[in-house]
Amino acid sequence: MSTILLVEARFYPHLNDLLLGGARKAVEAAGHKHETLTVPGALEIPGAIALAARSGRFCAFVGLGVIIRGETYHFEIVSNESARGIMDLTLQGFAIGNGILTVENEAQAVARCDPAQLDKGGGAAKAALALYELREQYAP
């Protein structure tokens, strides 16, 4: 049994509770343990994963958060840079599921976060587990 680190940007607690619920359920259903690390915002998720990866304690990571479009360009910066950071780490060989949602409004966020609806938290956890298994298959 391996441990997956769930890294959440807890900017919208009610939405993150839904994302975490889906991710935890998917990890447990796959027979793995999990720990949760909370960071202030989505931009901190890749850095937190990079720091935690150095410990060697985790076989995979799941980034979870919600970015809702506002009135400024900040939405694009946070969305693009958090995704880029996760992709950079993935290309370095880390198994990461990207569950950082970028939405126009709260209704879209609820539909995507809710495990009874689109369950993007569970989907991100399953993606991380798939990459972990692929890495194990091709590890030297």
Foldseek 3Di string as FASTA:
>chain_A
DAEEEEEEQCQPVVLVVLLVVLLCVLQVVVPYHYDYHYDNHLLCVLVVCVVVVVVVRGLAYEYAEEQEDDDDCVLVVSVVNSVVSVVVVVVVPHQYFYHYYYYHDVVVSCQCSHPVHVNSSNVSNVSSVVSSVVCVVPPD
